[in-house]
Structure formats: C-alpha cells, structure tokens
N, C-alpha and C. Protein backbone atom coordinates (compact mmCIF):
# COMPACT_ATOMS: atom_id res chain seq x y z
N MET A 1 111.53 117.78 109.84
CA MET A 1 111.69 118.77 108.89
C MET A 1 110.51 119.53 108.80
N GLY A 2 109.40 118.53 109.14
CA GLY A 2 108.03 118.27 109.05
C GLY A 2 107.60 118.49 110.40
N PRO A 3 105.73 118.46 110.71
CA PRO A 3 105.56 118.94 112.08
C PRO A 3 105.73 117.98 112.62
N ASN A 4 106.00 118.09 114.02
CA ASN A 4 106.54 116.92 114.64
C ASN A 4 106.32 115.40 114.86
N PRO A 5 107.15 115.01 113.61
CA PRO A 5 107.93 113.59 112.96
C PRO A 5 107.81 112.50 114.31
N LEU A 6 108.57 112.84 115.32
CA LEU A 6 108.78 111.43 116.13
C LEU A 6 107.59 112.01 117.07
N TRP A 7 106.25 112.04 117.14
CA TRP A 7 105.28 111.56 117.94
C TRP A 7 104.11 111.43 116.34
N LEU A 8 104.45 111.22 115.64
CA LEU A 8 103.85 111.32 114.25
C LEU A 8 104.40 109.66 114.01
N LEU A 9 105.78 109.03 114.59
CA LEU A 9 105.78 108.22 114.11
C LEU A 9 106.33 107.12 114.95
N GLU A 10 106.23 107.73 116.42
CA GLU A 10 105.67 107.17 117.27
C GLU A 10 104.24 106.21 117.67
N ASP A 11 103.24 107.05 117.03
CA ASP A 11 101.99 106.71 116.97
C ASP A 11 101.86 105.61 115.61
N LEU A 12 102.50 105.91 114.22
CA LEU A 12 102.43 104.99 113.26
C LEU A 12 102.27 103.55 113.75
N ALA A 13 103.54 103.64 114.20
CA ALA A 13 104.79 102.32 114.37
C ALA A 13 103.44 101.43 115.39
N ARG A 14 102.28 101.81 116.25
CA ARG A 14 101.36 100.93 116.52
C ARG A 14 100.77 100.28 115.44
N ASP A 15 100.90 100.55 114.52
CA ASP A 15 100.81 100.04 113.10
C ASP A 15 101.02 99.08 112.38
N LEU A 16 102.14 98.83 112.91
CA LEU A 16 103.18 98.19 111.89
C LEU A 16 104.10 97.03 112.67
N ASP A 17 104.44 96.42 112.47
CA ASP A 17 105.22 95.18 112.79
C ASP A 17 107.18 95.43 113.33
N LEU A 18 107.33 96.02 113.53
CA LEU A 18 109.25 96.13 113.74
C LEU A 18 109.73 95.18 114.31
N ARG A 19 110.92 94.76 113.79
CA ARG A 19 111.27 94.03 115.00
C ARG A 19 112.95 94.06 114.88
N PRO A 20 113.85 94.14 115.45
CA PRO A 20 115.35 93.90 115.63
C PRO A 20 115.71 93.39 114.74
N GLY A 21 116.33 93.42 113.52
CA GLY A 21 117.60 93.04 112.42
C GLY A 21 117.03 93.56 110.97
N MET A 22 115.37 93.61 110.71
CA MET A 22 115.05 94.31 109.94
C MET A 22 115.65 95.13 109.35
N ARG A 23 114.93 95.21 107.84
CA ARG A 23 116.27 96.60 107.55
C ARG A 23 114.95 97.41 107.07
N VAL A 24 115.46 98.71 106.97
CA VAL A 24 113.91 99.53 107.30
C VAL A 24 114.73 101.13 106.33
N LEU A 25 113.73 101.49 105.16
CA LEU A 25 114.55 102.45 104.44
C LEU A 25 113.40 103.49 105.14
N ASP A 26 114.07 104.82 105.80
CA ASP A 26 113.04 105.43 105.64
C ASP A 26 113.21 106.89 104.96
N LEU A 27 112.21 107.19 104.00
CA LEU A 27 112.47 107.73 102.92
C LEU A 27 111.74 108.98 103.25
N GLY A 28 113.00 109.56 102.78
CA GLY A 28 112.28 111.52 102.89
C GLY A 28 112.83 111.54 104.93
N SER A 29 114.06 111.49 105.04
CA SER A 29 114.35 110.93 105.94
C SER A 29 115.00 112.83 106.62
N GLY A 30 114.86 113.57 105.87
CA GLY A 30 115.21 114.69 106.67
C GLY A 30 116.92 115.02 106.93
N LYS A 31 116.66 115.52 108.23
CA LYS A 31 117.58 115.33 109.05
C LYS A 31 118.05 114.30 110.10
N GLY A 32 116.98 113.32 109.95
CA GLY A 32 117.57 112.03 110.53
C GLY A 32 116.49 111.78 111.89
N ALA A 33 116.14 112.78 112.57
CA ALA A 33 116.06 112.40 114.28
C ALA A 33 114.79 110.77 114.24
N THR A 34 114.34 110.56 112.65
CA THR A 34 112.83 109.43 112.88
C THR A 34 114.65 108.41 112.40
N SER A 35 115.59 108.45 111.51
CA SER A 35 115.82 107.44 111.69
C SER A 35 116.52 107.03 112.66
N VAL A 36 117.17 108.38 113.65
CA VAL A 36 117.44 107.15 114.98
C VAL A 36 116.61 106.70 115.90
N PHE A 37 115.22 107.21 115.51
CA PHE A 37 114.33 106.52 116.64
C PHE A 37 114.29 105.45 116.17
N LEU A 38 114.43 105.14 114.81
CA LEU A 38 113.80 103.43 114.33
C LEU A 38 114.52 102.73 115.03
N ALA A 39 116.42 103.02 114.49
CA ALA A 39 117.01 102.68 115.02
C ALA A 39 117.50 102.38 116.97
N ARG A 40 116.69 103.23 117.51
CA ARG A 40 116.86 103.38 119.31
C ARG A 40 115.86 102.47 119.46
N GLU A 41 114.77 102.65 119.13
CA GLU A 41 112.82 102.31 119.58
C GLU A 41 112.88 100.68 119.32
N PHE A 42 113.57 100.92 118.18
CA PHE A 42 113.70 98.86 117.39
C PHE A 42 114.64 98.11 117.23
N GLY A 43 115.99 98.37 117.81
CA GLY A 43 117.21 97.59 116.99
C GLY A 43 117.03 97.18 115.45
N VAL A 44 116.19 98.00 114.33
CA VAL A 44 116.28 98.42 112.76
C VAL A 44 117.63 98.38 112.53
N ASP A 45 117.98 97.70 111.63
CA ASP A 45 118.65 98.29 110.80
C ASP A 45 118.20 99.67 109.69
N VAL A 46 118.66 100.33 109.33
CA VAL A 46 117.95 101.88 108.67
C VAL A 46 118.57 102.18 107.47
N VAL A 47 118.08 102.40 106.27
CA VAL A 47 118.92 103.38 105.27
C VAL A 47 118.00 104.87 105.09
N ALA A 48 118.69 105.67 105.45
CA ALA A 48 118.49 107.09 105.25
C ALA A 48 118.12 107.51 104.21
N ALA A 49 117.31 108.24 103.30
CA ALA A 49 117.31 108.36 102.02
C ALA A 49 116.49 109.90 102.57
N ASP A 50 117.50 111.10 102.16
CA ASP A 50 116.97 112.33 101.79
C ASP A 50 117.45 113.09 100.08
N TRP A 51 116.80 113.26 99.24
CA TRP A 51 116.88 114.64 98.51
C TRP A 51 117.74 115.50 98.95
N TRP A 52 117.42 116.29 99.89
CA TRP A 52 117.48 117.57 100.25
C TRP A 52 118.56 117.87 101.70
N ILE A 53 118.72 116.67 101.78
CA ILE A 53 120.00 116.81 103.27
C ILE A 53 121.24 116.00 102.73
N PRO A 54 122.57 116.69 102.68
CA PRO A 54 123.79 116.06 101.94
C PRO A 54 123.68 114.88 102.73
N ALA A 55 124.18 113.54 102.48
CA ALA A 55 124.37 112.04 102.98
C ALA A 55 125.30 112.93 104.34
N GLU A 56 126.41 113.17 103.59
CA GLU A 56 127.37 113.47 104.99
C GLU A 56 127.10 113.89 106.68
N ASP A 57 125.87 114.97 106.22
CA ASP A 57 125.68 115.20 107.19
C ASP A 57 124.82 114.54 108.19
N ALA A 58 123.69 113.87 107.50
CA ALA A 58 123.42 112.72 108.26
C ALA A 58 124.35 111.58 108.56
N ALA A 59 125.02 111.63 108.01
CA ALA A 59 126.04 110.81 109.05
C ALA A 59 126.55 111.04 110.08
N ALA A 60 126.81 112.37 109.95
CA ALA A 60 127.37 113.18 111.56
C ALA A 60 126.28 112.61 112.30
N VAL A 61 125.06 113.06 111.86
CA VAL A 61 123.60 113.45 112.97
C VAL A 61 123.56 111.96 113.48
N PHE A 62 124.00 110.81 112.79
CA PHE A 62 124.08 109.48 113.37
C PHE A 62 125.15 108.95 114.13
N ALA A 63 126.12 109.29 114.11
CA ALA A 63 127.68 108.71 115.05
C ALA A 63 127.69 109.71 115.30
N GLU A 64 127.30 111.10 116.16
CA GLU A 64 126.86 111.57 117.37
C GLU A 64 126.27 110.76 118.02
N ALA A 65 124.76 110.76 117.80
CA ALA A 65 123.90 109.76 118.18
C ALA A 65 124.27 108.44 118.82
N GLY A 66 124.97 108.04 118.01
CA GLY A 66 125.94 106.52 118.73
C GLY A 66 124.80 105.86 118.34
N VAL A 67 124.19 106.02 116.64
CA VAL A 67 123.70 104.97 115.87
C VAL A 67 124.09 104.73 114.32
N GLY A 68 125.18 105.36 114.46
CA GLY A 68 126.25 105.18 112.93
C GLY A 68 126.22 103.37 112.58
N ASP A 69 126.34 103.07 113.47
CA ASP A 69 126.64 101.76 113.15
C ASP A 69 125.09 100.80 112.29
N ARG A 70 124.48 101.44 112.99
CA ARG A 70 123.30 100.64 112.56
C ARG A 70 121.84 101.68 111.33
N VAL A 71 122.08 102.48 111.06
CA VAL A 71 121.63 103.98 110.36
C VAL A 71 122.92 103.81 109.31
N SER A 72 122.42 104.09 108.05
CA SER A 72 123.59 104.55 107.24
C SER A 72 122.66 105.78 106.12
N ALA A 73 123.40 106.58 105.88
CA ALA A 73 122.93 107.71 104.59
C ALA A 73 122.67 107.83 103.27
N VAL A 74 121.92 108.27 102.94
CA VAL A 74 121.59 107.82 101.05
C VAL A 74 121.57 109.27 100.64
N ARG A 75 122.03 109.93 99.73
CA ARG A 75 121.56 111.00 99.04
C ARG A 75 120.78 110.86 97.63
N THR A 76 119.56 110.67 97.89
CA THR A 76 118.33 110.06 96.82
C THR A 76 117.28 110.94 96.31
N GLU A 77 117.11 110.94 94.92
CA GLU A 77 115.76 111.57 94.73
C GLU A 77 114.48 109.81 94.91
N ALA A 78 113.58 110.46 95.25
CA ALA A 78 112.85 109.22 95.48
C ALA A 78 111.79 108.92 94.67
N HIS A 79 112.05 109.18 93.48
CA HIS A 79 111.61 108.48 91.94
C HIS A 79 112.63 107.60 91.08
N VAL A 80 114.00 107.85 92.11
CA VAL A 80 115.13 106.89 91.04
C VAL A 80 116.37 106.77 92.34
N LEU A 81 115.62 105.10 93.00
CA LEU A 81 116.36 104.89 94.12
C LEU A 81 117.22 103.86 94.06
N PRO A 82 118.47 103.97 94.42
CA PRO A 82 119.25 103.29 93.83
C PRO A 82 119.76 101.70 94.77
N PHE A 83 118.53 100.62 94.88
CA PHE A 83 118.39 99.85 95.93
C PHE A 83 117.87 98.61 94.66
N GLU A 84 118.23 97.92 95.57
CA GLU A 84 118.71 96.14 94.81
C GLU A 84 116.76 96.15 94.93
N ALA A 85 115.46 95.14 94.40
CA ALA A 85 114.73 95.34 94.77
C ALA A 85 114.16 94.25 95.73
N GLU A 86 113.26 93.81 96.24
CA GLU A 86 112.96 93.23 97.39
C GLU A 86 113.79 92.88 98.72
N SER A 87 113.98 94.69 98.59
CA SER A 87 115.26 93.97 99.57
C SER A 87 115.01 95.04 100.85
N PHE A 88 114.01 95.11 101.25
CA PHE A 88 113.33 96.17 102.47
C PHE A 88 112.69 95.18 103.16
N ASP A 89 112.62 95.13 104.41
CA ASP A 89 111.31 94.32 105.02
C ASP A 89 110.16 95.59 105.41
N ALA A 90 110.81 96.93 105.49
CA ALA A 90 109.85 98.33 105.58
C ALA A 90 110.18 99.26 105.43
N ILE A 91 109.22 99.56 105.02
CA ILE A 91 109.62 100.87 104.13
C ILE A 91 108.49 102.40 105.08
N VAL A 92 109.42 103.14 105.40
CA VAL A 92 108.47 104.22 106.50
C VAL A 92 109.10 105.80 106.10
N SER A 93 107.34 106.27 105.81
CA SER A 93 107.82 107.54 105.10
C SER A 93 107.30 109.25 106.23
N ILE A 94 107.92 110.10 106.49
CA ILE A 94 107.21 110.89 107.25
C ILE A 94 107.45 112.14 107.37
N ASP A 95 106.45 113.04 106.95
CA ASP A 95 106.10 114.22 106.77
C ASP A 95 106.83 113.99 105.37
N ALA A 96 106.66 113.11 104.21
CA ALA A 96 107.77 113.09 103.31
C ALA A 96 106.62 113.15 101.82
N PHE A 97 106.17 111.82 102.09
CA PHE A 97 105.28 111.08 101.19
C PHE A 97 104.32 112.05 100.30
N GLU A 98 103.76 112.99 100.79
CA GLU A 98 102.84 114.38 99.84
C GLU A 98 103.21 114.61 98.96
N TYR A 99 105.02 114.94 98.98
CA TYR A 99 105.51 115.55 97.93
C TYR A 99 106.07 114.31 97.01
N PHE A 100 105.62 113.73 96.83
CA PHE A 100 106.42 112.29 95.40
C PHE A 100 105.49 111.64 95.30
N GLY A 101 104.46 110.67 96.66
CA GLY A 101 103.62 109.66 96.32
C GLY A 101 102.74 109.37 95.93
N THR A 102 101.42 110.77 96.02
CA THR A 102 100.55 110.40 95.55
C THR A 102 100.16 110.28 94.03
N ALA A 103 101.34 109.99 93.23
CA ALA A 103 100.72 109.92 91.38
C ALA A 103 100.81 108.44 91.54
N ASP A 104 99.21 108.09 91.06
CA ASP A 104 98.99 107.04 90.31
C ASP A 104 99.89 105.87 90.17
N SER A 105 101.37 105.88 89.41
CA SER A 105 102.26 105.09 89.33
C SER A 105 103.18 105.15 90.80
N TYR A 106 103.34 105.78 91.31
CA TYR A 106 104.35 105.39 92.49
C TYR A 106 103.97 104.63 93.80
N LEU A 107 102.94 103.68 93.65
CA LEU A 107 102.89 102.74 95.12
C LEU A 107 103.71 101.43 94.29
N PRO A 108 103.39 101.73 92.81
CA PRO A 108 104.01 100.13 91.92
C PRO A 108 105.23 100.63 92.54
N TYR A 109 105.61 101.88 91.74
CA TYR A 109 107.36 101.69 92.11
C TYR A 109 107.70 101.54 93.14
N LEU A 110 107.21 102.24 93.75
CA LEU A 110 107.91 101.87 95.96
C LEU A 110 108.00 100.21 96.20
N SER A 111 106.54 99.61 95.78
CA SER A 111 106.83 98.83 96.08
C SER A 111 107.35 97.69 95.93
N ARG A 112 108.02 97.34 94.42
CA ARG A 112 109.32 96.77 93.92
C ARG A 112 110.45 96.63 94.97
N PHE A 113 110.80 97.60 95.95
CA PHE A 113 111.72 97.21 97.07
C PHE A 113 111.89 96.62 98.28
N LEU A 114 109.92 95.66 98.65
CA LEU A 114 109.71 95.43 99.82
C LEU A 114 109.48 94.25 99.32
N ARG A 115 110.66 93.32 100.12
CA ARG A 115 109.66 91.50 100.46
C ARG A 115 108.47 92.04 100.37
N PRO A 116 108.77 90.20 99.54
CA PRO A 116 106.83 90.06 99.71
C PRO A 116 106.40 89.97 101.04
N GLY A 117 105.32 90.20 101.91
CA GLY A 117 105.39 90.35 102.92
C GLY A 117 105.59 91.35 103.87
N GLY A 118 106.69 92.66 103.06
CA GLY A 118 107.35 93.81 104.25
C GLY A 118 105.60 94.53 104.15
N GLN A 119 106.41 95.64 105.21
CA GLN A 119 105.37 96.60 105.57
C GLN A 119 105.38 98.32 104.83
N LEU A 120 104.71 99.23 104.90
CA LEU A 120 104.78 99.80 104.03
C LEU A 120 103.93 100.87 105.35
N GLY A 121 104.94 102.02 105.41
CA GLY A 121 104.07 102.90 106.93
C GLY A 121 104.41 104.41 106.56
N VAL A 122 102.96 104.99 106.56
CA VAL A 122 103.29 106.48 106.07
C VAL A 122 102.68 107.72 106.93
N ALA A 123 103.04 108.57 106.89
CA ALA A 123 102.59 109.48 107.78
C ALA A 123 102.18 110.76 107.41
N THR A 124 101.38 111.90 106.75
CA THR A 124 101.62 112.70 106.17
C THR A 124 100.00 113.85 106.37
N PRO A 125 100.54 115.11 106.32
CA PRO A 125 99.57 116.07 106.24
C PRO A 125 97.93 115.27 105.85
N ALA A 126 97.54 115.75 106.30
CA ALA A 126 95.41 114.82 105.16
C ALA A 126 94.58 115.78 105.95
N MET A 127 92.98 115.88 105.30
CA MET A 127 92.17 116.73 105.06
C MET A 127 91.59 115.91 105.98
N THR A 128 90.53 116.29 106.15
CA THR A 128 88.82 115.71 106.21
C THR A 128 87.72 115.39 105.68
N ARG A 129 87.84 116.80 104.15
CA ARG A 129 87.99 116.11 103.45
C ARG A 129 88.00 116.69 101.52
N GLU A 130 87.91 116.13 101.22
CA GLU A 130 89.05 116.27 99.49
C GLU A 130 88.92 117.36 99.18
N VAL A 131 89.21 117.81 99.40
CA VAL A 131 89.75 119.15 98.01
C VAL A 131 88.91 119.35 97.15
N ARG A 132 89.13 118.46 96.01
CA ARG A 132 88.03 117.90 94.70
C ARG A 132 86.67 117.99 95.68
N ASP A 133 86.28 117.79 96.18
CA ASP A 133 84.97 117.68 97.14
C ASP A 133 84.61 118.92 97.99
N LEU A 134 85.83 119.89 97.78
CA LEU A 134 85.11 120.78 98.46
C LEU A 134 85.14 121.77 97.83
N GLY A 135 85.24 121.40 96.57
CA GLY A 135 85.48 122.71 94.96
C GLY A 135 86.07 123.51 95.17
N VAL A 136 87.39 123.70 96.51
CA VAL A 136 88.08 124.76 96.54
C VAL A 136 89.03 124.57 97.44
N ILE A 137 90.38 125.06 97.76
CA ILE A 137 91.18 124.40 98.54
C ILE A 137 90.65 125.88 99.77
N PRO A 138 90.35 125.47 101.00
CA PRO A 138 89.89 127.08 102.03
C PRO A 138 90.87 127.86 101.62
N PRO A 139 90.40 129.15 101.89
CA PRO A 139 90.91 130.42 101.82
C PRO A 139 92.49 130.42 102.78
N HIS A 140 91.93 129.83 104.23
CA HIS A 140 92.96 129.96 105.18
C HIS A 140 94.11 128.80 105.15
N ILE A 141 93.83 127.85 103.77
CA ILE A 141 94.31 127.58 103.66
C ILE A 141 95.30 127.87 102.70
N LYS A 142 95.39 127.64 101.65
CA LYS A 142 95.30 128.06 100.46
C LYS A 142 96.49 129.52 100.64
N ARG A 143 96.05 130.59 101.55
CA ARG A 143 96.95 131.10 101.93
C ARG A 143 98.44 131.13 102.36
N VAL A 144 98.43 129.84 103.05
CA VAL A 144 99.80 129.88 103.29
C VAL A 144 100.86 128.00 102.92
N VAL A 145 99.33 127.43 101.99
CA VAL A 145 100.16 126.63 101.15
C VAL A 145 100.54 125.94 99.79
N GLY A 146 98.75 127.19 99.05
CA GLY A 146 99.49 127.15 97.89
C GLY A 146 98.37 126.08 97.50
N TRP A 147 98.79 125.55 96.17
CA TRP A 147 98.52 124.23 95.45
C TRP A 147 98.88 123.23 96.28
N GLU A 148 99.05 123.40 97.06
CA GLU A 148 100.40 122.10 97.60
C GLU A 148 99.41 121.59 98.49
N ALA A 149 98.30 121.72 99.17
CA ALA A 149 97.26 120.99 99.76
C ALA A 149 96.24 120.37 99.05
N MET A 150 96.85 120.14 97.18
CA MET A 150 96.22 119.27 96.54
C MET A 150 96.98 117.92 96.38
N ALA A 151 98.08 117.97 97.32
CA ALA A 151 98.54 116.22 97.55
C ALA A 151 97.77 116.31 98.67
N TRP A 152 97.03 116.72 100.08
CA TRP A 152 96.57 116.56 101.61
C TRP A 152 95.62 116.08 100.71
N HIS A 153 95.75 114.43 101.33
CA HIS A 153 94.35 113.70 101.02
C HIS A 153 93.85 113.52 102.22
N THR A 154 92.02 112.82 101.86
CA THR A 154 91.49 111.84 103.30
C THR A 154 92.56 110.75 103.21
N ALA A 155 91.91 109.70 104.50
CA ALA A 155 92.96 108.26 104.79
C ALA A 155 91.29 106.90 103.94
N GLU A 156 90.89 107.67 103.72
CA GLU A 156 90.27 106.84 102.72
C GLU A 156 90.54 107.10 100.94
N TRP A 157 90.62 108.26 101.26
CA TRP A 157 91.66 108.57 99.07
C TRP A 157 92.73 107.52 99.51
N TRP A 158 93.65 107.55 100.86
CA TRP A 158 94.24 106.45 100.14
C TRP A 158 94.77 105.14 100.16
N ARG A 159 93.16 105.53 101.12
CA ARG A 159 93.09 103.86 101.25
C ARG A 159 92.94 102.84 99.44
N PHE A 160 92.38 103.64 98.98
CA PHE A 160 91.57 103.21 97.73
C PHE A 160 92.82 103.48 97.12
N GLN A 161 93.75 104.74 97.39
CA GLN A 161 94.67 104.52 96.06
C GLN A 161 95.89 103.63 95.93
N TRP A 162 95.73 102.44 97.55
CA TRP A 162 97.14 101.65 97.48
C TRP A 162 95.86 100.62 97.33
N GLU A 163 94.80 99.90 97.64
CA GLU A 163 94.09 99.25 97.87
C GLU A 163 93.81 98.59 95.78
N VAL A 164 93.91 99.30 95.55
CA VAL A 164 93.19 99.79 93.44
C VAL A 164 94.16 98.81 92.83
N THR A 165 95.81 98.93 93.49
CA THR A 165 96.64 98.87 92.77
C THR A 165 97.38 96.91 92.79
N GLU A 166 96.13 96.30 93.69
CA GLU A 166 96.67 95.09 94.51
C GLU A 166 97.60 94.34 94.69
N LEU A 167 98.01 95.57 94.92
CA LEU A 167 100.24 95.09 95.19
C LEU A 167 99.90 95.26 96.68
N VAL A 168 98.96 95.80 97.67
CA VAL A 168 99.51 95.52 98.58
C VAL A 168 97.66 95.67 99.42
N ASP A 169 97.99 95.14 100.36
CA ASP A 169 96.50 94.72 101.73
C ASP A 169 96.80 96.32 102.82
N VAL A 170 95.94 96.75 102.54
CA VAL A 170 95.86 97.62 103.47
C VAL A 170 95.75 97.74 105.24
N SER A 171 96.76 97.53 106.22
CA SER A 171 95.81 97.38 107.11
C SER A 171 95.67 98.38 108.11
N SER A 172 96.10 99.97 107.79
CA SER A 172 95.43 101.52 108.61
C SER A 172 95.33 101.92 107.23
N ALA A 173 94.65 102.58 107.94
CA ALA A 173 94.26 103.89 107.48
C ALA A 173 93.30 105.21 107.95
N ARG A 174 93.90 105.50 108.95
CA ARG A 174 93.45 106.52 109.81
C ARG A 174 93.70 108.31 109.84
N LEU A 175 93.28 109.05 110.46
CA LEU A 175 93.24 110.45 110.43
C LEU A 175 93.58 110.23 112.27
N GLN A 176 94.62 110.98 112.06
CA GLN A 176 94.78 111.24 113.66
C GLN A 176 93.87 111.81 114.35
N GLU A 177 93.50 111.55 115.63
CA GLU A 177 92.14 111.75 116.54
C GLU A 177 92.57 113.67 117.00
N ASP A 178 92.74 114.46 116.81
CA ASP A 178 93.21 115.68 116.93
C ASP A 178 94.76 116.59 117.12
N GLY A 179 95.35 115.43 115.31
CA GLY A 179 96.41 115.32 114.83
C GLY A 179 96.17 116.93 114.97
N TRP A 180 95.45 118.16 114.19
CA TRP A 180 96.26 119.19 114.12
C TRP A 180 96.16 119.53 115.56
N ARG A 181 96.13 119.22 116.51
CA ARG A 181 96.58 120.11 117.97
C ARG A 181 97.38 119.48 118.64
N ASP A 182 98.59 118.71 117.98
CA ASP A 182 99.66 118.45 117.68
C ASP A 182 100.12 119.33 116.38
N TRP A 183 99.99 119.50 115.84
CA TRP A 183 100.57 120.30 114.56
C TRP A 183 100.61 121.43 115.30
N LEU A 184 99.50 122.33 115.99
CA LEU A 184 99.34 123.13 116.25
C LEU A 184 100.51 123.73 117.68
N LEU A 185 100.69 122.82 118.84
CA LEU A 185 101.79 122.77 119.56
C LEU A 185 103.22 122.55 119.12
N TRP A 186 103.67 121.82 117.72
CA TRP A 186 104.88 122.27 117.47
C TRP A 186 105.37 123.29 116.93
N ALA A 187 104.45 124.01 116.09
CA ALA A 187 104.86 124.97 115.40
C ALA A 187 104.80 125.79 116.45
N ARG A 188 104.12 126.38 117.83
CA ARG A 188 103.98 127.04 118.40
C ARG A 188 104.73 126.87 119.40
N ALA A 189 105.45 125.73 119.71
CA ALA A 189 106.98 125.42 120.30
C ALA A 189 108.18 126.28 119.20
N CYS A 190 107.96 125.82 117.86
CA CYS A 190 109.19 125.85 117.05
C CYS A 190 108.85 127.90 116.82
N ALA A 191 108.01 128.37 116.93
CA ALA A 191 107.76 130.31 117.20
C ALA A 191 108.64 130.11 118.69
N GLU A 192 109.23 129.52 119.29
CA GLU A 192 109.19 129.59 120.87
C GLU A 192 110.51 129.76 120.62
N HIS A 193 110.73 129.10 120.16
CA HIS A 193 112.43 128.22 120.44
C HIS A 193 113.23 127.76 119.12
N GLN A 194 113.11 128.64 117.67
CA GLN A 194 114.04 128.84 116.76
C GLN A 194 114.08 129.88 116.61
N PRO A 195 115.77 130.29 116.41
CA PRO A 195 115.64 131.73 115.25
C PRO A 195 114.63 131.77 114.54
N ASP A 196 114.18 132.87 114.78
CA ASP A 196 113.49 133.87 113.57
C ASP A 196 111.82 132.30 113.35
N GLY A 197 111.87 131.91 114.73
CA GLY A 197 110.27 131.17 114.82
C GLY A 197 109.45 131.39 115.21
N GLU A 198 108.80 132.84 115.21
CA GLU A 198 107.72 133.59 115.30
C GLU A 198 107.39 133.74 114.08
N GLN A 199 108.19 134.66 113.08
CA GLN A 199 108.13 134.64 112.39
C GLN A 199 108.17 133.54 110.86
N ALA A 200 108.80 132.51 111.10
CA ALA A 200 108.35 131.32 110.15
C ALA A 200 106.98 130.68 110.45
N ASN A 201 106.61 130.83 111.70
CA ASN A 201 106.27 129.77 112.45
C ASN A 201 104.44 130.28 112.37
N ARG A 202 104.63 132.19 112.39
CA ARG A 202 103.17 132.45 112.29
C ARG A 202 102.31 132.15 111.30
N PRO A 203 102.63 132.06 110.47
CA PRO A 203 101.17 131.11 109.30
C PRO A 203 100.78 130.50 109.74
N VAL A 204 101.56 129.63 109.89
CA VAL A 204 101.13 128.04 109.97
C VAL A 204 100.21 128.09 111.43
N ILE A 205 100.86 128.48 112.87
CA ILE A 205 99.51 128.31 113.65
C ILE A 205 98.07 129.48 113.57
N ASP A 206 98.55 130.43 112.55
CA ASP A 206 96.71 130.99 111.64
C ASP A 206 96.49 130.13 111.50
N MET A 207 96.70 129.40 109.87
CA MET A 207 95.86 128.88 109.70
C MET A 207 95.79 127.25 110.18
N LEU A 208 96.44 126.69 111.44
CA LEU A 208 95.75 125.74 112.24
C LEU A 208 95.20 126.44 113.19
N THR A 209 94.51 127.88 113.84
CA THR A 209 93.78 128.06 114.61
C THR A 209 92.56 128.55 113.82
N GLU A 210 92.68 128.72 112.63
CA GLU A 210 91.96 129.08 112.15
C GLU A 210 90.87 128.43 111.71
N ASP A 211 92.02 126.95 111.30
CA ASP A 211 90.32 125.65 110.20
C ASP A 211 90.12 124.56 112.09
N GLY A 212 91.13 124.92 113.16
CA GLY A 212 89.96 124.11 114.58
C GLY A 212 89.95 122.52 114.21
N GLY A 213 90.85 122.18 113.13
CA GLY A 213 90.32 121.14 112.57
C GLY A 213 89.69 120.90 111.60
N GLU A 214 88.86 121.83 111.59
CA GLU A 214 87.92 121.46 110.79
C GLU A 214 87.68 120.69 109.30
N HIS A 215 89.25 121.22 108.50
CA HIS A 215 89.55 120.48 107.50
C HIS A 215 91.28 119.67 107.29
N LEU A 216 91.70 119.90 108.68
CA LEU A 216 93.44 119.73 108.51
C LEU A 216 93.56 118.95 109.36
N SER A 217 94.22 117.59 109.80
CA SER A 217 94.14 116.43 109.98
C SER A 217 96.13 116.11 109.48
N LEU A 218 96.57 114.79 110.14
CA LEU A 218 97.24 114.04 109.72
C LEU A 218 97.05 112.83 109.67
N GLY A 219 97.29 112.63 108.11
CA GLY A 219 97.02 111.06 107.66
C GLY A 219 98.60 109.97 108.69
N LEU A 220 97.70 108.22 108.69
CA LEU A 220 98.23 107.78 109.19
C LEU A 220 98.25 105.65 107.88
N LEU A 221 98.91 105.62 108.28
CA LEU A 221 98.63 104.82 106.96
C LEU A 221 99.64 103.30 106.82
N THR A 222 98.98 102.42 106.81
CA THR A 222 99.94 101.31 107.07
C THR A 222 99.55 100.16 105.65
N ALA A 223 100.53 99.43 105.01
CA ALA A 223 99.96 98.18 104.21
C ALA A 223 101.18 97.24 105.02
N ARG A 224 100.79 95.90 103.62
CA ARG A 224 101.57 94.32 103.58
C ARG A 224 101.55 94.94 101.74
N LYS A 225 102.83 94.18 101.83
CA LYS A 225 103.22 93.42 99.80
C LYS A 225 102.35 92.43 100.33
N ARG A 226 101.67 92.34 98.94
CA ARG A 226 101.24 90.50 98.51
C ARG A 226 102.05 89.59 98.40
C-alpha cells in the first residue's frame, strides 16, 4: 500500500538477522505482500497486523500464496497491540511507521513486545533535512502530502529518537541511496498498470520529479532491544 514495499524490505533485511523459526511481527502489513516475503525468504513465522485491512482478507492472500501455515492475520491498531510481552524475536514495519511511530512514547510501548536482544526494523519515507530546520514544508511536497511531511524525518533524527530511550541499540540508520528514484520508478509503474493509475499517481510523480532527491528519500532503521 506504500511505495515499493518489497524492494524496501529486501534492502532493510541486509541489516537484520532473520532466521528460520523466529516469530516476527509485521506491523502495518497492509495487503500482505511483506508478510508473504518474510515467510518465504526467511522461513520465519509471521503475525501480520494491520488496522485498515480485514484479517480475513489478509488470510486469503496468505492461503493463496501457500504460507497460511506460517502467517496469521490480526486486525489491530498500533497502539493497542493484543500480544503478550516479549513474544516476538523481531518487529518489522514497512511504509507504515510514520503514521504511528514518531511519538516519544511509542518505542517504549513497542519494545515491550520484543524479547531481550530482539530486533526492530523500519522502512519509512524520509527527509534529507528536518522540516523544522528548513522552517517550512517545501511547497512541492506540501501540495501532495500536506502536514504528513512533518512525520518524515532524517536518519539521524530516528537514531537519536531511539537511542535516547536507552531501550535499544541502533545498529543502522541510513537513507537509501537514490531512494527517491525507486519511489519514482514505482509511482510510474503504478500509473501505467493500475486502474485510474495515472490520475492517482501523477501528483507523486510530479513531486518526486521536482524534488530530484534534494529533500525526499526513504529511511532504513534497525535496532536491538537491550
């Protein structure tokens, strides 16, 4: 449901240590592509949690993909997760964390569901400079996403936000090299192949083209719970 989720997950996974049999929470799993990828590529057991997609719809995707025995679907909001403490070896969130994870209190809440030494991996739209430092949301970005750009941060913002809690050790915080180009390629593909794709994706295409990587990127972040 966000830009190029499998490309992002594949890149993010280079900074994670996912092994067969681990229990992984895919937080903000959308229509389920990332959960299928995790189960197939790494042999992990996945709990796919999303607020917008009914669990039965996601479960049908997992069954059709042949991973229904390793991926279970839960419909839940990110602030009221119905899981036991320390019940996951890893939590992964692709194209979703910016909607719920920027509050100061969220990492302390989320980390309680990780086992000691458990891993957290996030891929999210990012900025090369903080909006607060720029003093304004750049007009070409504001026209498309409005105030939501306030939740798009630099890699260093995320590093500090997580490390200052002393709950995790950040193992990587990076902007994807030329990430905006992948995002643009994805938007152009969606414009070509989706119903009403040109109308839906043209604003994003124009935003990324005008930006040219000056402000927009994609952030990849990983950490381990102490």
